[in-house]
Amino acid sequence: MFKTIADPADCEVRSVIRFSNAKKVKPAEIHCQLVEIYGENVMTDGMVRKWVRQFNDGRTNVHDEARSGRPSVVNDGLVAKVNEKIRENSRFTIRMLFDEFPRISKTVFV
């Protein structure tokens, strides 16, 4: 049995996909291995296939590309605070989160 790894960085998962793809592992098997180590919510099979296609098309960067638009207010500190509030009260609602963190749009929480 393997030890699962919680909350991997996106670039870590993409690196595993890139490495496995270079070893000619099929996308379905890559997805199975990711789920085995990182858990059910790591990445969908379709997203694994998308990344395999991108790496096969010559992409080498595993990091997110810069996008235009409003910068995100979500950071590790905010995520930790939200997780703490949820642990304090498992019946915490999105409305309660919005009341607790009013500078953040409700759509960030859904």
C-alpha atoms as a PDB file:
ATOM      1  CA  MET A   1       0.000   0.000   0.000  1.00  0.00           C
ATOM      2  CA  PHE A   2       1.135   3.514  -0.787  1.00  0.00           C
ATOM      3  CA  LYS A   3       1.020   6.596   1.370  1.00  0.00           C
ATOM      4  CA  THR A   4      -1.217   9.245  -0.142  1.00  0.00           C
ATOM      5  CA  ILE A   5       0.012  12.780  -0.666  1.00  0.00           C
ATOM      6  CA  ALA A   6      -2.511  15.481   0.227  1.00  0.00           C
ATOM      7  CA  ASP A   7      -2.857  18.805  -1.581  1.00  0.00           C
ATOM      8  CA  PRO A   8      -0.171  18.482  -4.241  1.00  0.00           C
ATOM      9  CA  ALA A   9       0.813  21.563  -6.203  1.00  0.00           C
ATOM     10  CA  ASP A  10      -0.582  21.620  -9.737  1.00  0.00           C
ATOM     11  CA  CYS A  11       2.924  21.753 -11.159  1.00  0.00           C
ATOM     12  CA  GLU A  12       3.847  18.618  -9.166  1.00  0.00           C
ATOM     13  CA  VAL A  13       0.985  16.653 -10.711  1.00  0.00           C
ATOM     14  CA  ARG A  14       1.830  17.964 -14.176  1.00  0.00           C
ATOM     15  CA  SER A  15       5.459  16.977 -13.656  1.00  0.00           C
ATOM     16  CA  VAL A  16       4.371  13.435 -12.869  1.00  0.00           C
ATOM     17  CA  ILE A  17       2.254  13.433 -16.036  1.00  0.00           C
ATOM     18  CA  ARG A  18       5.163  14.733 -18.111  1.00  0.00           C
ATOM     19  CA  PHE A  19       7.558  12.161 -16.642  1.00  0.00           C
ATOM     20  CA  SER A  20       5.136   9.250 -17.089  1.00  0.00           C
ATOM     21  CA  ASN A  21       4.294  10.351 -20.623  1.00  0.00           C
ATOM     22  CA  ALA A  22       8.004  10.428 -21.495  1.00  0.00           C
ATOM     23  CA  LYS A  23       8.165   6.817 -20.299  1.00  0.00           C
ATOM     24  CA  LYS A  24       5.313   6.027 -22.736  1.00  0.00           C
ATOM     25  CA  VAL A  25       2.788   5.310 -19.990  1.00  0.00           C
ATOM     26  CA  LYS A  26      -0.752   5.541 -21.374  1.00  0.00           C
ATOM     27  CA  PRO A  27      -2.916   8.456 -20.135  1.00  0.00           C
ATOM     28  CA  ALA A  28      -5.453   6.129 -18.471  1.00  0.00           C
ATOM     29  CA  GLU A  29      -2.673   4.447 -16.487  1.00  0.00           C
ATOM     30  CA  ILE A  30      -1.177   7.830 -15.568  1.00  0.00           C
ATOM     31  CA  HIS A  31      -4.574   8.855 -14.195  1.00  0.00           C
ATOM     32  CA  CYS A  32      -4.860   5.631 -12.182  1.00  0.00           C
ATOM     33  CA  GLN A  33      -1.407   6.190 -10.691  1.00  0.00           C
ATOM     34  CA  LEU A  34      -2.224   9.806  -9.826  1.00  0.00           C
ATOM     35  CA  VAL A  35      -5.438   8.761  -8.064  1.00  0.00           C
ATOM     36  CA  GLU A  36      -3.572   6.021  -6.206  1.00  0.00           C
ATOM     37  CA  ILE A  37      -1.037   8.485  -4.771  1.00  0.00           C
ATOM     38  CA  TYR A  38      -2.879  11.823  -4.627  1.00  0.00           C
ATOM     39  CA  GLY A  39      -6.484  10.690  -4.083  1.00  0.00           C
ATOM     40  CA  GLU A  40      -9.718  10.819  -6.042  1.00  0.00           C
ATOM     41  CA  ASN A  41      -9.825  14.598  -6.471  1.00  0.00           C
ATOM     42  CA  VAL A  42      -6.378  15.023  -7.981  1.00  0.00           C
ATOM     43  CA  MET A  43      -7.311  15.545 -11.642  1.00  0.00           C
ATOM     44  CA  THR A  44      -9.851  14.100 -14.047  1.00  0.00           C
ATOM     45  CA  ASP A  45      -8.919  11.567 -16.687  1.00  0.00           C
ATOM     46  CA  GLY A  46      -9.830  14.128 -19.350  1.00  0.00           C
ATOM     47  CA  MET A  47      -7.443  16.707 -17.901  1.00  0.00           C
ATOM     48  CA  VAL A  48      -4.644  14.124 -17.793  1.00  0.00           C
ATOM     49  CA  ARG A  49      -5.281  13.434 -21.490  1.00  0.00           C
ATOM     50  CA  LYS A  50      -5.252  17.193 -22.214  1.00  0.00           C
ATOM     51  CA  TRP A  51      -1.860  17.582 -20.512  1.00  0.00           C
ATOM     52  CA  VAL A  52      -0.464  14.529 -22.315  1.00  0.00           C
ATOM     53  CA  ARG A  53      -1.542  16.081 -25.628  1.00  0.00           C
ATOM     54  CA  GLN A  54       0.101  19.380 -24.705  1.00  0.00           C
ATOM     55  CA  PHE A  55       3.361  17.663 -23.739  1.00  0.00           C
ATOM     56  CA  ASN A  56       3.251  15.613 -26.948  1.00  0.00           C
ATOM     57  CA  ASP A  57       2.768  18.870 -28.868  1.00  0.00           C
ATOM     58  CA  GLY A  58       6.000  20.226 -27.417  1.00  0.00           C
ATOM     59  CA  ARG A  59       5.009  21.932 -24.195  1.00  0.00           C
ATOM     60  CA  THR A  60       7.695  21.622 -21.539  1.00  0.00           C
ATOM     61  CA  ASN A  61       6.499  24.075 -18.893  1.00  0.00           C
ATOM     62  CA  VAL A  62       4.486  22.493 -16.060  1.00  0.00           C
ATOM     63  CA  HIS A  63       3.563  25.841 -14.504  1.00  0.00           C
ATOM     64  CA  ASP A  64       0.436  27.894 -15.173  1.00  0.00           C
ATOM     65  CA  GLU A  65       0.734  30.434 -17.929  1.00  0.00           C
ATOM     66  CA  ALA A  66       0.098  34.050 -17.043  1.00  0.00           C
ATOM     67  CA  ARG A  67      -3.441  35.139 -17.796  1.00  0.00           C
ATOM     68  CA  SER A  68      -4.919  38.565 -18.168  1.00  0.00           C
ATOM     69  CA  GLY A  69      -7.626  39.762 -15.859  1.00  0.00           C
ATOM     70  CA  ARG A  70      -8.082  40.702 -12.283  1.00  0.00           C
ATOM     71  CA  PRO A  71      -5.441  39.225 -10.006  1.00  0.00           C
ATOM     72  CA  SER A  72      -6.622  36.598  -7.572  1.00  0.00           C
ATOM     73  CA  VAL A  73      -7.037  37.519  -3.928  1.00  0.00           C
ATOM     74  CA  VAL A  74      -6.760  33.857  -2.957  1.00  0.00           C
ATOM     75  CA  ASN A  75      -3.477  32.937  -1.328  1.00  0.00           C
ATOM     76  CA  ASP A  76      -2.216  30.284   1.077  1.00  0.00           C
ATOM     77  CA  GLY A  77      -3.001  32.467   4.087  1.00  0.00           C
ATOM     78  CA  LEU A  78      -6.618  32.964   3.054  1.00  0.00           C
ATOM     79  CA  VAL A  79      -7.063  29.264   2.321  1.00  0.00           C
ATOM     80  CA  ALA A  80      -5.684  28.421   5.778  1.00  0.00           C
ATOM     81  CA  LYS A  81      -8.074  30.891   7.443  1.00  0.00           C
ATOM     82  CA  VAL A  82     -11.080  29.526   5.546  1.00  0.00           C
ATOM     83  CA  ASN A  83     -10.101  25.937   6.398  1.00  0.00           C
ATOM     84  CA  GLU A  84      -9.762  26.925  10.049  1.00  0.00           C
ATOM     85  CA  LYS A  85     -13.268  28.451  10.082  1.00  0.00           C
ATOM     86  CA  ILE A  86     -14.716  25.323   8.466  1.00  0.00           C
ATOM     87  CA  ARG A  87     -12.958  23.072  11.005  1.00  0.00           C
ATOM     88  CA  GLU A  88     -14.368  25.209  13.843  1.00  0.00           C
ATOM     89  CA  ASN A  89     -17.901  24.774  12.502  1.00  0.00           C
ATOM     90  CA  SER A  90     -18.564  22.022   9.972  1.00  0.00           C
ATOM     91  CA  ARG A  91     -21.976  23.561   9.234  1.00  0.00           C
ATOM     92  CA  PHE A  92     -20.338  26.747   8.009  1.00  0.00           C
ATOM     93  CA  THR A  93     -22.207  28.072   4.956  1.00  0.00           C
ATOM     94  CA  ILE A  94     -20.941  30.075   2.006  1.00  0.00           C
ATOM     95  CA  ARG A  95     -22.970  33.005   3.337  1.00  0.00           C
ATOM     96  CA  MET A  96     -21.169  32.720   6.687  1.00  0.00           C
ATOM     97  CA  LEU A  97     -17.816  32.617   4.891  1.00  0.00           C
ATOM     98  CA  PHE A  98     -18.756  35.730   2.957  1.00  0.00           C
ATOM     99  CA  ASP A  99     -19.754  37.466   6.196  1.00  0.00           C
ATOM    100  CA  GLU A 100     -16.445  36.421   7.778  1.00  0.00           C
ATOM    101  CA  PHE A 101     -14.373  37.504   4.739  1.00  0.00           C
ATOM    102  CA  PRO A 102     -16.329  40.436   3.220  1.00  0.00           C
ATOM    103  CA  ARG A 103     -13.511  41.636   0.937  1.00  0.00           C
ATOM    104  CA  ILE A 104     -13.844  38.438  -1.067  1.00  0.00           C
ATOM    105  CA  SER A 105     -16.507  37.888  -3.693  1.00  0.00           C
ATOM    106  CA  LYS A 106     -19.014  35.118  -2.977  1.00  0.00           C
ATOM    107  CA  THR A 107     -18.116  33.515  -6.288  1.00  0.00           C
ATOM    108  CA  VAL A 108     -14.623  32.715  -4.951  1.00  0.00           C
ATOM    109  CA  PHE A 109     -16.212  30.388  -2.405  1.00  0.00           C
ATOM    110  CA  VAL A 110     -18.257  28.330  -4.854  1.00  0.00           C
END
